[in-house]
């Protein structure tokens, strides 16, 4: 029993560290690796909390589908593109403030005594969730899948357009030399 507590807190720490590391990466692919690791650690935490269905949905949806799209976009971007960390950049400060607030909240929960409601948790039946998703919420599921498909087509269009633009620009740069 004590081992599972250690594994749970370790997975939570990995999720927090990897999420915080996203603020400081320079290469987009490293950011994708950190985000994937954080999502897997969250899935493990969900599983250890007794929610295997949510853990599997976390892995399938976030790690399996959305991260594939992120990696696809990153691979279509120029190879040498990096994002240098600049403390003068205004977009960095809100992230740092949120990181500090998140760590303060985590400390308050851990050391301030977390009050847990002793109600009995309800078991989530995956068959009932499937019937709801493809029954009552069928239109919403179809709309989301159409939106993801449109995003994928848009990425392909922009990547092809960018590639053609760079191919036209390359001979002009060689002629200038």
Foldseek 3Di string as FASTA:
>chain_A
DVVLVVLLVVLVVLLLVLVLCLLAFWAQVSNLVSNLSNLLSVLSNCVSVPNNVVSVCSCCPPVNPVSVVSVVLSVLDDPPHTHHDDPVDPVSVVSVVVSVVVVVVVCCCVVVDPDDDPDDDDHDDVVVVVCCCCPVVVVVVVVVVVVVVVVSVVSVVVSVVVVVVVVVVVVVVVVVD
